[in-house]
PDB file of all heavy atoms in Angstrom:
ATOM      1  N   ILE A   1       0.838  -1.204   0.000  1.00  0.00           N
ATOM      2  CA  ILE A   1       0.000   0.000   0.000  1.00  0.00           C
ATOM      3  C   ILE A   1       0.870   1.250   0.000  1.00  0.00           C
ATOM      4  O   ILE A   1       0.644   2.193  -0.759  1.00  0.00           O
ATOM      5  CB  ILE A   1      -0.972  -0.003   1.199  1.00  0.00           C
ATOM      6  CG1 ILE A   1      -2.018  -1.122   1.019  1.00  0.00           C
ATOM      7  CG2 ILE A   1      -1.647   1.359   1.366  1.00  0.00           C
ATOM      8  CD1 ILE A   1      -2.889  -1.356   2.240  1.00  0.00           C
ATOM      9  N   ASN A   2       1.895   1.254   0.845  1.00  0.00           N
ATOM     10  CA  ASN A   2       2.796   2.415   0.897  1.00  0.00           C
ATOM     11  C   ASN A   2       3.536   2.604  -0.416  1.00  0.00           C
ATOM     12  O   ASN A   2       3.711   3.740  -0.880  1.00  0.00           O
ATOM     13  CB  ASN A   2       3.770   2.277   2.061  1.00  0.00           C
ATOM     14  CG  ASN A   2       3.104   2.522   3.389  1.00  0.00           C
ATOM     15  OD1 ASN A   2       2.249   3.390   3.517  1.00  0.00           O
ATOM     16  ND2 ASN A   2       3.466   1.753   4.397  1.00  0.00           N
ATOM     17  N   ALA A   3       3.978   1.515  -1.032  1.00  0.00           N
ATOM     18  CA  ALA A   3       4.659   1.618  -2.320  1.00  0.00           C
ATOM     19  C   ALA A   3       3.702   2.161  -3.381  1.00  0.00           C
ATOM     20  O   ALA A   3       4.097   2.964  -4.231  1.00  0.00           O
ATOM     21  CB  ALA A   3       5.208   0.251  -2.738  1.00  0.00           C
ATOM     22  N   TYR A   4       2.441   1.746  -3.323  1.00  0.00           N
ATOM     23  CA  TYR A   4       1.420   2.246  -4.255  1.00  0.00           C
ATOM     24  C   TYR A   4       1.246   3.755  -4.074  1.00  0.00           C
ATOM     25  O   TYR A   4       1.269   4.520  -5.040  1.00  0.00           O
ATOM     26  CB  TYR A   4       0.101   1.513  -4.008  1.00  0.00           C
ATOM     27  CG  TYR A   4      -1.049   2.000  -4.841  1.00  0.00           C
ATOM     28  CD1 TYR A   4      -1.203   1.588  -6.159  1.00  0.00           C
ATOM     29  CD2 TYR A   4      -2.001   2.871  -4.315  1.00  0.00           C
ATOM     30  CE1 TYR A   4      -2.266   2.031  -6.930  1.00  0.00           C
ATOM     31  CE2 TYR A   4      -3.071   3.322  -5.073  1.00  0.00           C
ATOM     32  CZ  TYR A   4      -3.190   2.898  -6.385  1.00  0.00           C
ATOM     33  OH  TYR A   4      -4.250   3.346  -7.142  1.00  0.00           O
ATOM     34  N   ILE A   5       1.089   4.189  -2.821  1.00  0.00           N
ATOM     35  CA  ILE A   5       0.882   5.599  -2.523  1.00  0.00           C
ATOM     36  C   ILE A   5       2.089   6.426  -2.955  1.00  0.00           C
ATOM     37  O   ILE A   5       1.942   7.522  -3.497  1.00  0.00           O
ATOM     38  CB  ILE A   5       0.591   5.794  -1.021  1.00  0.00           C
ATOM     39  CG1 ILE A   5      -0.776   5.199  -0.676  1.00  0.00           C
ATOM     40  CG2 ILE A   5       0.662   7.267  -0.628  1.00  0.00           C
ATOM     41  CD1 ILE A   5      -1.060   5.120   0.806  1.00  0.00           C
ATOM     42  N   ASP A   6       3.277   5.897  -2.719  1.00  0.00           N
ATOM     43  CA  ASP A   6       4.507   6.634  -3.037  1.00  0.00           C
ATOM     44  C   ASP A   6       4.917   6.539  -4.500  1.00  0.00           C
ATOM     45  O   ASP A   6       5.917   7.129  -4.899  1.00  0.00           O
ATOM     46  CB  ASP A   6       5.659   6.124  -2.164  1.00  0.00           C
ATOM     47  CG  ASP A   6       5.450   6.441  -0.693  1.00  0.00           C
ATOM     48  OD1 ASP A   6       4.660   7.350  -0.377  1.00  0.00           O
ATOM     49  OD2 ASP A   6       6.088   5.772   0.153  1.00  0.00           O
ATOM     50  N   GLY A   7       4.180   5.776  -5.305  1.00  0.00           N
ATOM     51  CA  GLY A   7       4.497   5.655  -6.723  1.00  0.00           C
ATOM     52  C   GLY A   7       5.724   4.807  -6.996  1.00  0.00           C
ATOM     53  O   GLY A   7       6.419   5.017  -7.987  1.00  0.00           O
ATOM     54  N   ARG A   8       5.996   3.838  -6.124  1.00  0.00           N
ATOM     55  CA  ARG A   8       7.186   3.006  -6.275  1.00  0.00           C
ATOM     56  C   ARG A   8       6.887   1.636  -6.878  1.00  0.00           C
ATOM     57  O   ARG A   8       7.729   0.754  -6.834  1.00  0.00           O
ATOM     58  CB  ARG A   8       7.875   2.816  -4.913  1.00  0.00           C
ATOM     59  CG  ARG A   8       8.449   4.104  -4.346  1.00  0.00           C
ATOM     60  CD  ARG A   8       9.173   3.882  -3.020  1.00  0.00           C
ATOM     61  NE  ARG A   8       8.210   3.686  -1.945  1.00  0.00           N
ATOM     62  CZ  ARG A   8       8.129   2.595  -1.181  1.00  0.00           C
ATOM     63  NH1 ARG A   8       8.939   1.597  -1.346  1.00  0.00           N
ATOM     64  NH2 ARG A   8       7.215   2.523  -0.220  1.00  0.00           N
ATOM     65  N   LEU A   9       5.704   1.462  -7.440  1.00  0.00           N
ATOM     66  CA  LEU A   9       5.345   0.184  -8.058  1.00  0.00           C
ATOM     67  C   LEU A   9       5.491   0.266  -9.572  1.00  0.00           C
ATOM     68  O   LEU A   9       5.336   1.334 -10.163  1.00  0.00           O
ATOM     69  CB  LEU A   9       3.896  -0.186  -7.719  1.00  0.00           C
ATOM     70  CG  LEU A   9       3.570  -0.485  -6.267  1.00  0.00           C
ATOM     71  CD1 LEU A   9       2.080  -0.796  -6.138  1.00  0.00           C
ATOM     72  CD2 LEU A   9       4.398  -1.639  -5.732  1.00  0.00           C
ATOM     73  N   SER A  10       5.761  -0.883 -10.158  1.00  0.00           N
ATOM     74  CA  SER A  10       5.773  -0.940 -11.617  1.00  0.00           C
ATOM     75  C   SER A  10       4.354  -0.686 -12.113  1.00  0.00           C
ATOM     76  O   SER A  10       3.381  -0.779 -11.352  1.00  0.00           O
ATOM     77  CB  SER A  10       6.251  -2.315 -12.089  1.00  0.00           C
ATOM     78  OG  SER A  10       5.286  -3.307 -11.741  1.00  0.00           O
ATOM     79  N   GLN A  11       4.237  -0.398 -13.372  1.00  0.00           N
ATOM     80  CA  GLN A  11       2.911  -0.135 -13.943  1.00  0.00           C
ATOM     81  C   GLN A  11       2.009  -1.360 -13.772  1.00  0.00           C
ATOM     82  O   GLN A  11       0.831  -1.224 -13.434  1.00  0.00           O
ATOM     83  CB  GLN A  11       3.054   0.236 -15.414  1.00  0.00           C
ATOM     84  CG  GLN A  11       1.783   0.764 -16.020  1.00  0.00           C
ATOM     85  CD  GLN A  11       2.008   1.325 -17.416  1.00  0.00           C
ATOM     86  OE1 GLN A  11       3.089   1.226 -17.975  1.00  0.00           O
ATOM     87  NE2 GLN A  11       0.990   1.927 -17.971  1.00  0.00           N
ATOM     88  N   LYS A  12       2.562  -2.535 -13.960  1.00  0.00           N
ATOM     89  CA  LYS A  12       1.787  -3.777 -13.815  1.00  0.00           C
ATOM     90  C   LYS A  12       1.310  -3.958 -12.372  1.00  0.00           C
ATOM     91  O   LYS A  12       0.128  -4.254 -12.131  1.00  0.00           O
ATOM     92  CB  LYS A  12       2.654  -4.963 -14.227  1.00  0.00           C
ATOM     93  CG  LYS A  12       1.979  -6.301 -14.075  1.00  0.00           C
ATOM     94  CD  LYS A  12       2.925  -7.435 -14.437  1.00  0.00           C
ATOM     95  CE  LYS A  12       2.291  -8.777 -14.133  1.00  0.00           C
ATOM     96  NZ  LYS A  12       3.218  -9.883 -14.285  1.00  0.00           N
ATOM     97  N   ASP A  13       2.211  -3.762 -11.401  1.00  0.00           N
ATOM     98  CA  ASP A  13       1.841  -3.911  -9.996  1.00  0.00           C
ATOM     99  C   ASP A  13       0.865  -2.823  -9.566  1.00  0.00           C
ATOM    100  O   ASP A  13      -0.054  -3.071  -8.779  1.00  0.00           O
ATOM    101  CB  ASP A  13       3.079  -3.887  -9.101  1.00  0.00           C
ATOM    102  CG  ASP A  13       3.931  -5.138  -9.250  1.00  0.00           C
ATOM    103  OD1 ASP A  13       3.422  -6.169  -9.762  1.00  0.00           O
ATOM    104  OD2 ASP A  13       5.118  -5.089  -8.876  1.00  0.00           O
ATOM    105  N   ARG A  14       1.056  -1.618 -10.080  1.00  0.00           N
ATOM    106  CA  ARG A  14       0.138  -0.524  -9.758  1.00  0.00           C
ATOM    107  C   ARG A  14      -1.275  -0.851 -10.249  1.00  0.00           C
ATOM    108  O   ARG A  14      -2.249  -0.616  -9.537  1.00  0.00           O
ATOM    109  CB  ARG A  14       0.650   0.779 -10.381  1.00  0.00           C
ATOM    110  CG  ARG A  14      -0.114   1.986  -9.936  1.00  0.00           C
ATOM    111  CD  ARG A  14       0.667   3.266 -10.258  1.00  0.00           C
ATOM    112  NE  ARG A  14      -0.053   4.427  -9.800  1.00  0.00           N
ATOM    113  CZ  ARG A  14      -0.146   4.812  -8.536  1.00  0.00           C
ATOM    114  NH1 ARG A  14       0.456   4.133  -7.604  1.00  0.00           N
ATOM    115  NH2 ARG A  14      -0.829   5.884  -8.201  1.00  0.00           N
ATOM    116  N   ALA A  15      -1.377  -1.414 -11.438  1.00  0.00           N
ATOM    117  CA  ALA A  15      -2.688  -1.799 -11.985  1.00  0.00           C
ATOM    118  C   ALA A  15      -3.319  -2.899 -11.141  1.00  0.00           C
ATOM    119  O   ALA A  15      -4.540  -2.895 -10.910  1.00  0.00           O
ATOM    120  CB  ALA A  15      -2.542  -2.240 -13.435  1.00  0.00           C
ATOM    121  N   ALA A  16      -2.507  -3.835 -10.672  1.00  0.00           N
ATOM    122  CA  ALA A  16      -3.028  -4.931  -9.845  1.00  0.00           C
ATOM    123  C   ALA A  16      -3.560  -4.380  -8.518  1.00  0.00           C
ATOM    124  O   ALA A  16      -4.640  -4.792  -8.059  1.00  0.00           O
ATOM    125  CB  ALA A  16      -1.933  -5.966  -9.601  1.00  0.00           C
ATOM    126  N   VAL A  17      -2.829  -3.470  -7.912  1.00  0.00           N
ATOM    127  CA  VAL A  17      -3.281  -2.871  -6.652  1.00  0.00           C
ATOM    128  C   VAL A  17      -4.552  -2.063  -6.891  1.00  0.00           C
ATOM    129  O   VAL A  17      -5.503  -2.149  -6.114  1.00  0.00           O
ATOM    130  CB  VAL A  17      -2.184  -1.994  -6.024  1.00  0.00           C
ATOM    131  CG1 VAL A  17      -2.732  -1.174  -4.856  1.00  0.00           C
ATOM    132  CG2 VAL A  17      -1.012  -2.850  -5.566  1.00  0.00           C
ATOM    133  N   ALA A  18      -4.607  -1.313  -7.965  1.00  0.00           N
ATOM    134  CA  ALA A  18      -5.800  -0.521  -8.286  1.00  0.00           C
ATOM    135  C   ALA A  18      -7.024  -1.422  -8.454  1.00  0.00           C
ATOM    136  O   ALA A  18      -8.116  -1.086  -7.984  1.00  0.00           O
ATOM    137  CB  ALA A  18      -5.567   0.307  -9.539  1.00  0.00           C
ATOM    138  N   ALA A  19      -6.850  -2.574  -9.077  1.00  0.00           N
ATOM    139  CA  ALA A  19      -7.960  -3.512  -9.254  1.00  0.00           C
ATOM    140  C   ALA A  19      -8.451  -4.038  -7.902  1.00  0.00           C
ATOM    141  O   ALA A  19      -9.663  -4.160  -7.674  1.00  0.00           O
ATOM    142  CB  ALA A  19      -7.532  -4.671 -10.150  1.00  0.00           C
ATOM    143  N   ILE A  20      -7.514  -4.315  -7.011  1.00  0.00           N
ATOM    144  CA  ILE A  20      -7.890  -4.778  -5.664  1.00  0.00           C
ATOM    145  C   ILE A  20      -8.646  -3.683  -4.922  1.00  0.00           C
ATOM    146  O   ILE A  20      -9.669  -3.940  -4.266  1.00  0.00           O
ATOM    147  CB  ILE A  20      -6.636  -5.222  -4.879  1.00  0.00           C
ATOM    148  CG1 ILE A  20      -6.038  -6.475  -5.509  1.00  0.00           C
ATOM    149  CG2 ILE A  20      -6.961  -5.453  -3.406  1.00  0.00           C
ATOM    150  CD1 ILE A  20      -4.661  -6.834  -4.997  1.00  0.00           C
ATOM    151  N   LEU A  21      -8.179  -2.462  -5.047  1.00  0.00           N
ATOM    152  CA  LEU A  21      -8.839  -1.344  -4.378  1.00  0.00           C
ATOM    153  C   LEU A  21     -10.248  -1.116  -4.926  1.00  0.00           C
ATOM    154  O   LEU A  21     -11.176  -0.823  -4.159  1.00  0.00           O
ATOM    155  CB  LEU A  21      -8.002  -0.071  -4.512  1.00  0.00           C
ATOM    156  CG  LEU A  21      -6.648  -0.082  -3.787  1.00  0.00           C
ATOM    157  CD1 LEU A  21      -5.893   1.208  -4.081  1.00  0.00           C
ATOM    158  CD2 LEU A  21      -6.805  -0.303  -2.305  1.00  0.00           C
ATOM    159  N   LEU A  22     -10.409  -1.265  -6.226  1.00  0.00           N
ATOM    160  CA  LEU A  22     -11.741  -1.088  -6.825  1.00  0.00           C
ATOM    161  C   LEU A  22     -12.725  -2.147  -6.336  1.00  0.00           C
ATOM    162  O   LEU A  22     -13.924  -1.895  -6.233  1.00  0.00           O
ATOM    163  CB  LEU A  22     -11.649  -1.115  -8.348  1.00  0.00           C
ATOM    164  CG  LEU A  22     -11.031   0.129  -8.981  1.00  0.00           C
ATOM    165  CD1 LEU A  22     -10.821  -0.085 -10.479  1.00  0.00           C
ATOM    166  CD2 LEU A  22     -11.905   1.354  -8.733  1.00  0.00           C
ATOM    167  N   ALA A  23     -12.214  -3.321  -6.022  1.00  0.00           N
ATOM    168  CA  ALA A  23     -13.069  -4.414  -5.562  1.00  0.00           C
ATOM    169  C   ALA A  23     -13.349  -4.349  -4.062  1.00  0.00           C
ATOM    170  O   ALA A  23     -14.210  -5.084  -3.568  1.00  0.00           O
ATOM    171  CB  ALA A  23     -12.413  -5.754  -5.907  1.00  0.00           C
ATOM    172  N   ASP A  24     -12.647  -3.495  -3.344  1.00  0.00           N
ATOM    173  CA  ASP A  24     -12.798  -3.419  -1.881  1.00  0.00           C
ATOM    174  C   ASP A  24     -12.950  -1.957  -1.458  1.00  0.00           C
ATOM    175  O   ASP A  24     -11.964  -1.280  -1.155  1.00  0.00           O
ATOM    176  CB  ASP A  24     -11.577  -4.054  -1.214  1.00  0.00           C
ATOM    177  CG  ASP A  24     -11.703  -4.167   0.295  1.00  0.00           C
ATOM    178  OD1 ASP A  24     -12.536  -3.452   0.894  1.00  0.00           O
ATOM    179  OD2 ASP A  24     -10.945  -4.972   0.874  1.00  0.00           O
ATOM    180  N   PRO A  25     -14.192  -1.461  -1.411  1.00  0.00           N
ATOM    181  CA  PRO A  25     -14.421  -0.048  -1.082  1.00  0.00           C
ATOM    182  C   PRO A  25     -13.850   0.369   0.276  1.00  0.00           C
ATOM    183  O   PRO A  25     -13.381   1.500   0.426  1.00  0.00           O
ATOM    184  CB  PRO A  25     -15.938   0.087  -1.097  1.00  0.00           C
ATOM    185  CG  PRO A  25     -16.425  -1.049  -1.929  1.00  0.00           C
ATOM    186  CD  PRO A  25     -15.438  -2.150  -1.731  1.00  0.00           C
ATOM    187  N   ASP A  26     -13.880  -0.529   1.260  1.00  0.00           N
ATOM    188  CA  ASP A  26     -13.331  -0.182   2.579  1.00  0.00           C
ATOM    189  C   ASP A  26     -11.823   0.036   2.503  1.00  0.00           C
ATOM    190  O   ASP A  26     -11.286   0.983   3.089  1.00  0.00           O
ATOM    191  CB  ASP A  26     -13.651  -1.277   3.605  1.00  0.00           C
ATOM    192  CG  ASP A  26     -15.132  -1.329   3.953  1.00  0.00           C
ATOM    193  OD1 ASP A  26     -15.822  -0.294   3.809  1.00  0.00           O
ATOM    194  OD2 ASP A  26     -15.596  -2.406   4.364  1.00  0.00           O
ATOM    195  N   LEU A  27     -11.153  -0.843   1.793  1.00  0.00           N
ATOM    196  CA  LEU A  27      -9.707  -0.695   1.625  1.00  0.00           C
ATOM    197  C   LEU A  27      -9.397   0.555   0.803  1.00  0.00           C
ATOM    198  O   LEU A  27      -8.456   1.287   1.109  1.00  0.00           O
ATOM    199  CB  LEU A  27      -9.106  -1.941   0.963  1.00  0.00           C
ATOM    200  CG  LEU A  27      -7.591  -1.946   0.794  1.00  0.00           C
ATOM    201  CD1 LEU A  27      -6.873  -1.760   2.130  1.00  0.00           C
ATOM    202  CD2 LEU A  27      -7.141  -3.244   0.117  1.00  0.00           C
ATOM    203  N   MET A  28     -10.198   0.815  -0.217  1.00  0.00           N
ATOM    204  CA  MET A  28     -10.020   2.024  -1.032  1.00  0.00           C
ATOM    205  C   MET A  28     -10.142   3.265  -0.157  1.00  0.00           C
ATOM    206  O   MET A  28      -9.329   4.184  -0.247  1.00  0.00           O
ATOM    207  CB  MET A  28     -11.050   2.078  -2.159  1.00  0.00           C
ATOM    208  CG  MET A  28     -11.052   3.386  -2.929  1.00  0.00           C
ATOM    209  SD  MET A  28      -9.609   3.625  -3.952  1.00  0.00           S
ATOM    210  CE  MET A  28     -10.182   2.844  -5.434  1.00  0.00           C
ATOM    211  N   HIS A  29     -11.129   3.267   0.738  1.00  0.00           N
ATOM    212  CA  HIS A  29     -11.319   4.398   1.644  1.00  0.00           C
ATOM    213  C   HIS A  29     -10.102   4.557   2.552  1.00  0.00           C
ATOM    214  O   HIS A  29      -9.618   5.675   2.767  1.00  0.00           O
ATOM    215  CB  HIS A  29     -12.600   4.190   2.462  1.00  0.00           C
ATOM    216  CG  HIS A  29     -12.947   5.339   3.339  1.00  0.00           C
ATOM    217  ND1 HIS A  29     -13.395   6.543   2.859  1.00  0.00           N
ATOM    218  CD2 HIS A  29     -12.890   5.482   4.681  1.00  0.00           C
ATOM    219  CE1 HIS A  29     -13.606   7.374   3.848  1.00  0.00           C
ATOM    220  NE2 HIS A  29     -13.305   6.756   4.978  1.00  0.00           N
ATOM    221  N   LYS A  30      -9.587   3.456   3.075  1.00  0.00           N
ATOM    222  CA  LYS A  30      -8.398   3.495   3.934  1.00  0.00           C
ATOM    223  C   LYS A  30      -7.207   4.085   3.179  1.00  0.00           C
ATOM    224  O   LYS A  30      -6.492   4.945   3.699  1.00  0.00           O
ATOM    225  CB  LYS A  30      -8.061   2.089   4.417  1.00  0.00           C
ATOM    226  CG  LYS A  30      -6.784   2.008   5.198  1.00  0.00           C
ATOM    227  CD  LYS A  30      -6.427   0.563   5.548  1.00  0.00           C
ATOM    228  CE  LYS A  30      -5.042   0.481   6.174  1.00  0.00           C
ATOM    229  NZ  LYS A  30      -4.654  -0.884   6.510  1.00  0.00           N
ATOM    230  N   VAL A  31      -6.997   3.640   1.955  1.00  0.00           N
ATOM    231  CA  VAL A  31      -5.866   4.122   1.164  1.00  0.00           C
ATOM    232  C   VAL A  31      -6.044   5.599   0.818  1.00  0.00           C
ATOM    233  O   VAL A  31      -5.082   6.370   0.874  1.00  0.00           O
ATOM    234  CB  VAL A  31      -5.667   3.254  -0.098  1.00  0.00           C
ATOM    235  CG1 VAL A  31      -4.645   3.867  -1.048  1.00  0.00           C
ATOM    236  CG2 VAL A  31      -5.238   1.837   0.295  1.00  0.00           C
ATOM    237  N   MET A  32      -7.240   6.014   0.499  1.00  0.00           N
ATOM    238  CA  MET A  32      -7.481   7.424   0.188  1.00  0.00           C
ATOM    239  C   MET A  32      -7.208   8.302   1.416  1.00  0.00           C
ATOM    240  O   MET A  32      -6.665   9.395   1.290  1.00  0.00           O
ATOM    241  CB  MET A  32      -8.923   7.640  -0.304  1.00  0.00           C
ATOM    242  CG  MET A  32      -9.186   7.049  -1.680  1.00  0.00           C
ATOM    243  SD  MET A  32      -8.229   7.846  -2.993  1.00  0.00           S
ATOM    244  CE  MET A  32      -6.855   6.757  -3.186  1.00  0.00           C
ATOM    245  N   ARG A  33      -7.564   7.817   2.617  1.00  0.00           N
ATOM    246  CA  ARG A  33      -7.233   8.553   3.842  1.00  0.00           C
ATOM    247  C   ARG A  33      -5.720   8.647   4.010  1.00  0.00           C
ATOM    248  O   ARG A  33      -5.190   9.692   4.391  1.00  0.00           O
ATOM    249  CB  ARG A  33      -7.850   7.868   5.064  1.00  0.00           C
ATOM    250  CG  ARG A  33      -9.320   8.135   5.254  1.00  0.00           C
ATOM    251  CD  ARG A  33      -9.830   7.730   6.636  1.00  0.00           C
ATOM    252  NE  ARG A  33      -9.198   6.539   7.180  1.00  0.00           N
ATOM    253  CZ  ARG A  33      -9.733   5.310   7.202  1.00  0.00           C
ATOM    254  NH1 ARG A  33     -10.926   5.111   6.696  1.00  0.00           N
ATOM    255  NH2 ARG A  33      -9.083   4.295   7.736  1.00  0.00           N
ATOM    256  N   MET A  34      -5.026   7.549   3.710  1.00  0.00           N
ATOM    257  CA  MET A  34      -3.567   7.548   3.808  1.00  0.00           C
ATOM    258  C   MET A  34      -2.948   8.541   2.824  1.00  0.00           C
ATOM    259  O   MET A  34      -1.983   9.234   3.152  1.00  0.00           O
ATOM    260  CB  MET A  34      -3.023   6.135   3.574  1.00  0.00           C
ATOM    261  CG  MET A  34      -3.371   5.168   4.688  1.00  0.00           C
ATOM    262  SD  MET A  34      -2.952   3.446   4.298  1.00  0.00           S
ATOM    263  CE  MET A  34      -1.161   3.512   4.382  1.00  0.00           C
ATOM    264  N   VAL A  35      -3.497   8.605   1.617  1.00  0.00           N
ATOM    265  CA  VAL A  35      -3.006   9.556   0.608  1.00  0.00           C
ATOM    266  C   VAL A  35      -3.198  10.987   1.102  1.00  0.00           C
ATOM    267  O   VAL A  35      -2.294  11.823   0.992  1.00  0.00           O
ATOM    268  CB  VAL A  35      -3.723   9.337  -0.747  1.00  0.00           C
ATOM    269  CG1 VAL A  35      -3.462  10.488  -1.699  1.00  0.00           C
ATOM    270  CG2 VAL A  35      -3.291   8.016  -1.365  1.00  0.00           C
TER     271      VAL A  35
END
């Protein structure tokens, strides 16, 4: 999550994390608060 927020993931890994976040609104909310 921290690597995603900091932009330290590859494009492929970033897309995978984004897909997980889209499928889990609670986790998406947590990450948006962290951002």
